[in-house]
């Protein structure tokens, strides 16, 4: 694993837009094969990208975001 990419993920600030969520998931997706259950963990964030979905950052999404950063 590339230490620079791992560091970039762990230091990623909380997303404030759908574009930032997409960027985070794109980078984190690089390591999806090393994270068991990646798709389940990322689901709350993925739902933010659905058409017509309003950007609302809640506790479930925060938990998902932090869990992906730690793994």
PDB file of N, CA and C in Angstrom:
ATOM      1  N   UNK A   1       0.838  -1.182   0.000  1.00  0.00           N
ATOM      2  CA  UNK A   1       0.000   0.000   0.000  1.00  0.00           C
ATOM      3  C   UNK A   1       0.879   1.240   0.000  1.00  0.00           C
ATOM      4  N   UNK A   2       0.411   2.245  -0.678  1.00  0.00           N
ATOM      5  CA  UNK A   2       1.140   3.501  -0.790  1.00  0.00           C
ATOM      6  C   UNK A   2       0.891   4.358   0.458  1.00  0.00           C
ATOM      7  N   UNK A   3       1.931   4.600   1.278  1.00  0.00           N
ATOM      8  CA  UNK A   3       1.758   5.377   2.506  1.00  0.00           C
ATOM      9  C   UNK A   3       1.208   6.785   2.266  1.00  0.00           C
ATOM     10  N   UNK A   4       1.555   7.390   1.153  1.00  0.00           N
ATOM     11  CA  UNK A   4       1.061   8.741   0.862  1.00  0.00           C
ATOM     12  C   UNK A   4      -0.451   8.730   0.652  1.00  0.00           C
ATOM     13  N   UNK A   5      -0.961   7.696  -0.011  1.00  0.00           N
ATOM     14  CA  UNK A   5      -2.411   7.607  -0.231  1.00  0.00           C
ATOM     15  C   UNK A   5      -3.139   7.291   1.065  1.00  0.00           C
ATOM     16  N   UNK A   6      -2.550   6.434   1.884  1.00  0.00           N
ATOM     17  CA  UNK A   6      -3.159   6.111   3.168  1.00  0.00           C
ATOM     18  C   UNK A   6      -3.237   7.368   4.028  1.00  0.00           C
ATOM     19  N   UNK A   7      -2.172   8.144   4.051  1.00  0.00           N
ATOM     20  CA  UNK A   7      -2.157   9.382   4.829  1.00  0.00           C
ATOM     21  C   UNK A   7      -3.183  10.373   4.296  1.00  0.00           C
ATOM     22  N   UNK A   8      -3.316  10.453   2.989  1.00  0.00           N
ATOM     23  CA  UNK A   8      -4.297  11.363   2.385  1.00  0.00           C
ATOM     24  C   UNK A   8      -5.711  10.992   2.819  1.00  0.00           C
ATOM     25  N   UNK A   9      -5.996   9.708   2.919  1.00  0.00           N
ATOM     26  CA  UNK A   9      -7.330   9.266   3.341  1.00  0.00           C
ATOM     27  C   UNK A   9      -7.557   9.582   4.815  1.00  0.00           C
ATOM     28  N   UNK A  10      -6.582   9.275   5.665  1.00  0.00           N
ATOM     29  CA  UNK A  10      -6.770   9.473   7.102  1.00  0.00           C
ATOM     30  C   UNK A  10      -6.855  10.944   7.487  1.00  0.00           C
ATOM     31  N   UNK A  11      -6.292  11.828   6.687  1.00  0.00           N
ATOM     32  CA  UNK A  11      -6.328  13.263   6.998  1.00  0.00           C
ATOM     33  C   UNK A  11      -7.394  14.019   6.206  1.00  0.00           C
ATOM     34  N   UNK A  12      -8.234  13.288   5.476  1.00  0.00           N
ATOM     35  CA  UNK A  12      -9.257  13.907   4.637  1.00  0.00           C
ATOM     36  C   UNK A  12     -10.263  14.649   5.527  1.00  0.00           C
ATOM     37  N   UNK A  13     -10.555  15.927   5.250  1.00  0.00           N
ATOM     38  CA  UNK A  13     -11.546  16.666   6.047  1.00  0.00           C
ATOM     39  C   UNK A  13     -12.963  16.209   5.718  1.00  0.00           C
ATOM     40  N   UNK A  14     -13.888  16.497   6.628  1.00  0.00           N
ATOM     41  CA  UNK A  14     -15.289  16.122   6.422  1.00  0.00           C
ATOM     42  C   UNK A  14     -15.819  16.768   5.143  1.00  0.00           C
ATOM     43  N   UNK A  15     -16.432  15.983   4.273  1.00  0.00           N
ATOM     44  CA  UNK A  15     -16.968  16.534   3.016  1.00  0.00           C
ATOM     45  C   UNK A  15     -18.107  17.522   3.270  1.00  0.00           C
ATOM     46  N   UNK A  16     -18.171  18.552   2.439  1.00  0.00           N
ATOM     47  CA  UNK A  16     -19.236  19.550   2.555  1.00  0.00           C
ATOM     48  C   UNK A  16     -20.080  19.618   1.294  1.00  0.00           C
ATOM     49  N   UNK A  17     -19.804  18.746   0.335  1.00  0.00           N
ATOM     50  CA  UNK A  17     -20.584  18.719  -0.901  1.00  0.00           C
ATOM     51  C   UNK A  17     -20.535  17.314  -1.498  1.00  0.00           C
ATOM     52  N   UNK A  18     -21.422  17.080  -2.444  1.00  0.00           N
ATOM     53  CA  UNK A  18     -21.458  15.786  -3.128  1.00  0.00           C
ATOM     54  C   UNK A  18     -20.153  15.555  -3.884  1.00  0.00           C
ATOM     55  N   UNK A  19     -19.598  16.605  -4.452  1.00  0.00           N
ATOM     56  CA  UNK A  19     -18.338  16.489  -5.192  1.00  0.00           C
ATOM     57  C   UNK A  19     -17.213  16.006  -4.282  1.00  0.00           C
ATOM     58  N   UNK A  20     -17.165  16.528  -3.060  1.00  0.00           N
ATOM     59  CA  UNK A  20     -16.130  16.109  -2.112  1.00  0.00           C
ATOM     60  C   UNK A  20     -16.337  14.662  -1.663  1.00  0.00           C
ATOM     61  N   UNK A  21     -17.592  14.253  -1.508  1.00  0.00           N
ATOM     62  CA  UNK A  21     -17.889  12.857  -1.157  1.00  0.00           C
ATOM     63  C   UNK A  21     -17.417  11.943  -2.283  1.00  0.00           C
ATOM     64  N   UNK A  22     -17.709  12.321  -3.508  1.00  0.00           N
ATOM     65  CA  UNK A  22     -17.303  11.529  -4.678  1.00  0.00           C
ATOM     66  C   UNK A  22     -15.781  11.411  -4.737  1.00  0.00           C
ATOM     67  N   UNK A  23     -15.082  12.498  -4.462  1.00  0.00           N
ATOM     68  CA  UNK A  23     -13.614  12.476  -4.475  1.00  0.00           C
ATOM     69  C   UNK A  23     -13.068  11.547  -3.395  1.00  0.00           C
ATOM     70  N   UNK A  24     -13.646  11.637  -2.196  1.00  0.00           N
ATOM     71  CA  UNK A  24     -13.194  10.776  -1.101  1.00  0.00           C
ATOM     72  C   UNK A  24     -13.418   9.304  -1.436  1.00  0.00           C
ATOM     73  N   UNK A  25     -14.620   8.979  -1.926  1.00  0.00           N
ATOM     74  CA  UNK A  25     -14.917   7.584  -2.260  1.00  0.00           C
ATOM     75  C   UNK A  25     -14.035   7.081  -3.399  1.00  0.00           C
ATOM     76  N   UNK A  26     -13.683   7.965  -4.309  1.00  0.00           N
ATOM     77  CA  UNK A  26     -12.793   7.574  -5.396  1.00  0.00           C
ATOM     78  C   UNK A  26     -11.422   7.178  -4.882  1.00  0.00           C
ATOM     79  N   UNK A  27     -10.889   7.974  -3.966  1.00  0.00           N
ATOM     80  CA  UNK A  27      -9.578   7.664  -3.397  1.00  0.00           C
ATOM     81  C   UNK A  27      -9.659   6.445  -2.476  1.00  0.00           C
ATOM     82  N   UNK A  28     -10.675   6.404  -1.624  1.00  0.00           N
ATOM     83  CA  UNK A  28     -10.829   5.272  -0.701  1.00  0.00           C
ATOM     84  C   UNK A  28     -11.092   3.981  -1.471  1.00  0.00           C
ATOM     85  N   UNK A  29     -11.754   4.079  -2.606  1.00  0.00           N
ATOM     86  CA  UNK A  29     -12.062   2.910  -3.424  1.00  0.00           C
ATOM     87  C   UNK A  29     -10.823   2.212  -3.947  1.00  0.00           C
ATOM     88  N   UNK A  30      -9.720   2.937  -3.997  1.00  0.00           N
ATOM     89  CA  UNK A  30      -8.451   2.346  -4.412  1.00  0.00           C
ATOM     90  C   UNK A  30      -8.088   1.168  -3.498  1.00  0.00           C
ATOM     91  N   UNK A  31      -8.501   1.253  -2.221  1.00  0.00           N
ATOM     92  CA  UNK A  31      -8.179   0.227  -1.227  1.00  0.00           C
ATOM     93  C   UNK A  31      -9.351  -0.693  -0.913  1.00  0.00           C
ATOM     94  N   UNK A  32     -10.409  -0.667  -1.728  1.00  0.00           N
ATOM     95  CA  UNK A  32     -11.608  -1.450  -1.417  1.00  0.00           C
ATOM     96  C   UNK A  32     -11.317  -2.942  -1.288  1.00  0.00           C
ATOM     97  N   UNK A  33     -10.339  -3.458  -1.997  1.00  0.00           N
ATOM     98  CA  UNK A  33     -10.058  -4.900  -1.909  1.00  0.00           C
ATOM     99  C   UNK A  33      -9.420  -5.275  -0.571  1.00  0.00           C
ATOM    100  N   UNK A  34      -8.870  -4.303   0.147  1.00  0.00           N
ATOM    101  CA  UNK A  34      -8.246  -4.570   1.444  1.00  0.00           C
ATOM    102  C   UNK A  34      -9.208  -4.351   2.610  1.00  0.00           C
ATOM    103  N   UNK A  35     -10.370  -3.751   2.335  1.00  0.00           N
ATOM    104  CA  UNK A  35     -11.340  -3.426   3.384  1.00  0.00           C
ATOM    105  C   UNK A  35     -12.546  -4.348   3.236  1.00  0.00           C
ATOM    106  N   UNK A  36     -12.689  -5.253   4.184  1.00  0.00           N
ATOM    107  CA  UNK A  36     -13.814  -6.183   4.130  1.00  0.00           C
ATOM    108  C   UNK A  36     -15.118  -5.417   4.331  1.00  0.00           C
ATOM    109  N   UNK A  37     -16.069  -5.660   3.471  1.00  0.00           N
ATOM    110  CA  UNK A  37     -17.367  -4.993   3.568  1.00  0.00           C
ATOM    111  C   UNK A  37     -17.337  -3.535   3.150  1.00  0.00           C
ATOM    112  N   UNK A  38     -16.426  -3.187   2.253  1.00  0.00           N
ATOM    113  CA  UNK A  38     -16.279  -1.789   1.834  1.00  0.00           C
ATOM    114  C   UNK A  38     -17.596  -1.205   1.336  1.00  0.00           C
ATOM    115  N   UNK A  39     -18.302  -1.933   0.494  1.00  0.00           N
ATOM    116  CA  UNK A  39     -19.531  -1.393  -0.096  1.00  0.00           C
ATOM    117  C   UNK A  39     -20.592  -1.126   0.964  1.00  0.00           C
ATOM    118  N   UNK A  40     -20.674  -1.980   1.980  1.00  0.00           N
ATOM    119  CA  UNK A  40     -21.637  -1.753   3.066  1.00  0.00           C
ATOM    120  C   UNK A  40     -21.237  -0.541   3.900  1.00  0.00           C
ATOM    121  N   UNK A  41     -19.944  -0.396   4.148  1.00  0.00           N
ATOM    122  CA  UNK A  41     -19.464   0.753   4.908  1.00  0.00           C
ATOM    123  C   UNK A  41     -19.687   2.057   4.153  1.00  0.00           C
ATOM    124  N   UNK A  42     -19.517   2.016   2.852  1.00  0.00           N
ATOM    125  CA  UNK A  42     -19.613   3.223   2.035  1.00  0.00           C
ATOM    126  C   UNK A  42     -21.040   3.560   1.615  1.00  0.00           C
ATOM    127  N   UNK A  43     -22.000   2.677   1.870  1.00  0.00           N
ATOM    128  CA  UNK A  43     -23.366   2.883   1.391  1.00  0.00           C
ATOM    129  C   UNK A  43     -23.987   4.212   1.821  1.00  0.00           C
ATOM    130  N   UNK A  44     -23.879   4.623   3.103  1.00  0.00           N
ATOM    131  CA  UNK A  44     -24.472   5.915   3.471  1.00  0.00           C
ATOM    132  C   UNK A  44     -23.881   7.086   2.670  1.00  0.00           C
ATOM    133  N   UNK A  45     -22.602   7.010   2.343  1.00  0.00           N
ATOM    134  CA  UNK A  45     -21.979   8.071   1.550  1.00  0.00           C
ATOM    135  C   UNK A  45     -22.385   7.955   0.087  1.00  0.00           C
ATOM    136  N   UNK A  46     -22.498   6.734  -0.389  1.00  0.00           N
ATOM    137  CA  UNK A  46     -22.898   6.509  -1.780  1.00  0.00           C
ATOM    138  C   UNK A  46     -24.307   7.028  -2.027  1.00  0.00           C
ATOM    139  N   UNK A  47     -25.187   6.874  -1.044  1.00  0.00           N
ATOM    140  CA  UNK A  47     -26.568   7.347  -1.191  1.00  0.00           C
ATOM    141  C   UNK A  47     -26.638   8.856  -1.390  1.00  0.00           C
ATOM    142  N   UNK A  48     -25.644   9.582  -0.900  1.00  0.00           N
ATOM    143  CA  UNK A  48     -25.608  11.037  -1.105  1.00  0.00           C
ATOM    144  C   UNK A  48     -25.493  11.397  -2.578  1.00  0.00           C
ATOM    145  N   UNK A  49     -24.980  10.498  -3.376  1.00  0.00           N
ATOM    146  CA  UNK A  49     -24.761  10.788  -4.791  1.00  0.00           C
ATOM    147  C   UNK A  49     -25.954  10.422  -5.663  1.00  0.00           C
ATOM    148  N   UNK A  50     -27.015   9.867  -5.058  1.00  0.00           N
ATOM    149  CA  UNK A  50     -28.208   9.535  -5.834  1.00  0.00           C
ATOM    150  C   UNK A  50     -28.847  10.806  -6.378  1.00  0.00           C
ATOM    151  N   UNK A  51     -29.405  10.702  -7.551  1.00  0.00           N
ATOM    152  CA  UNK A  51     -30.077  11.835  -8.181  1.00  0.00           C
ATOM    153  C   UNK A  51     -31.252  12.278  -7.304  1.00  0.00           C
ATOM    154  N   UNK A  52     -31.330  13.565  -7.045  1.00  0.00           N
ATOM    155  CA  UNK A  52     -32.408  14.131  -6.248  1.00  0.00           C
ATOM    156  C   UNK A  52     -32.182  14.087  -4.749  1.00  0.00           C
ATOM    157  N   UNK A  53     -31.123  13.438  -4.302  1.00  0.00           N
ATOM    158  CA  UNK A  53     -30.819  13.338  -2.869  1.00  0.00           C
ATOM    159  C   UNK A  53     -30.213  14.652  -2.387  1.00  0.00           C
ATOM    160  N   UNK A  54     -30.774  15.209  -1.314  1.00  0.00           N
ATOM    161  CA  UNK A  54     -30.230  16.450  -0.751  1.00  0.00           C
ATOM    162  C   UNK A  54     -29.015  16.113   0.113  1.00  0.00           C
ATOM    163  N   UNK A  55     -28.048  17.028   0.121  1.00  0.00           N
ATOM    164  CA  UNK A  55     -26.845  16.804   0.916  1.00  0.00           C
ATOM    165  C   UNK A  55     -27.164  17.113   2.382  1.00  0.00           C
ATOM    166  N   UNK A  56     -27.304  16.061   3.159  1.00  0.00           N
ATOM    167  CA  UNK A  56     -27.534  16.190   4.597  1.00  0.00           C
ATOM    168  C   UNK A  56     -26.514  15.298   5.287  1.00  0.00           C
ATOM    169  N   UNK A  57     -25.626  15.922   6.056  1.00  0.00           N
ATOM    170  CA  UNK A  57     -24.589  15.158   6.756  1.00  0.00           C
ATOM    171  C   UNK A  57     -25.130  14.788   8.128  1.00  0.00           C
ATOM    172  N   UNK A  58     -25.372  13.503   8.351  1.00  0.00           N
ATOM    173  CA  UNK A  58     -25.931  13.061   9.625  1.00  0.00           C
ATOM    174  C   UNK A  58     -24.951  12.129  10.341  1.00  0.00           C
ATOM    175  N   UNK A  59     -25.400  11.627  11.484  1.00  0.00           N
ATOM    176  CA  UNK A  59     -24.529  10.781  12.310  1.00  0.00           C
ATOM    177  C   UNK A  59     -24.127   9.491  11.587  1.00  0.00           C
ATOM    178  N   UNK A  60     -25.063   8.909  10.855  1.00  0.00           N
ATOM    179  CA  UNK A  60     -24.777   7.673  10.120  1.00  0.00           C
ATOM    180  C   UNK A  60     -23.682   7.900   9.076  1.00  0.00           C
ATOM    181  N   UNK A  61     -23.749   9.016   8.380  1.00  0.00           N
ATOM    182  CA  UNK A  61     -22.745   9.321   7.355  1.00  0.00           C
ATOM    183  C   UNK A  61     -21.401   9.662   7.985  1.00  0.00           C
ATOM    184  N   UNK A  62     -21.435  10.340   9.118  1.00  0.00           N
ATOM    185  CA  UNK A  62     -20.193  10.653   9.829  1.00  0.00           C
ATOM    186  C   UNK A  62     -19.512   9.356  10.286  1.00  0.00           C
ATOM    187  N   UNK A  63     -20.306   8.436  10.815  1.00  0.00           N
ATOM    188  CA  UNK A  63     -19.762   7.152  11.276  1.00  0.00           C
ATOM    189  C   UNK A  63     -19.146   6.383  10.107  1.00  0.00           C
ATOM    190  N   UNK A  64     -19.834   6.365   8.985  1.00  0.00           N
ATOM    191  CA  UNK A  64     -19.337   5.685   7.786  1.00  0.00           C
ATOM    192  C   UNK A  64     -18.027   6.313   7.317  1.00  0.00           C
ATOM    193  N   UNK A  65     -17.992   7.634   7.278  1.00  0.00           N
ATOM    194  CA  UNK A  65     -16.809   8.377   6.846  1.00  0.00           C
ATOM    195  C   UNK A  65     -15.611   8.061   7.742  1.00  0.00           C
ATOM    196  N   UNK A  66     -15.810   8.138   9.050  1.00  0.00           N
ATOM    197  CA  UNK A  66     -14.715   7.886   9.991  1.00  0.00           C
ATOM    198  C   UNK A  66     -14.249   6.427   9.937  1.00  0.00           C
ATOM    199  N   UNK A  67     -15.187   5.498   9.785  1.00  0.00           N
ATOM    200  CA  UNK A  67     -14.825   4.077   9.708  1.00  0.00           C
ATOM    201  C   UNK A  67     -13.973   3.800   8.472  1.00  0.00           C
ATOM    202  N   UNK A  68     -14.347   4.375   7.347  1.00  0.00           N
ATOM    203  CA  UNK A  68     -13.554   4.184   6.127  1.00  0.00           C
ATOM    204  C   UNK A  68     -12.162   4.803   6.273  1.00  0.00           C
ATOM    205  N   UNK A  69     -12.073   5.918   6.960  1.00  0.00           N
ATOM    206  CA  UNK A  69     -10.765   6.551   7.157  1.00  0.00           C
ATOM    207  C   UNK A  69      -9.854   5.687   8.025  1.00  0.00           C
ATOM    208  N   UNK A  70     -10.419   5.022   9.033  1.00  0.00           N
ATOM    209  CA  UNK A  70      -9.613   4.233   9.961  1.00  0.00           C
ATOM    210  C   UNK A  70      -9.167   2.897   9.380  1.00  0.00           C
ATOM    211  N   UNK A  71      -9.967   2.316   8.516  1.00  0.00           N
ATOM    212  CA  UNK A  71      -9.619   1.005   7.956  1.00  0.00           C
ATOM    213  C   UNK A  71      -8.657   1.205   6.830  1.00  0.00           C
TER     214      UNK A  71
END
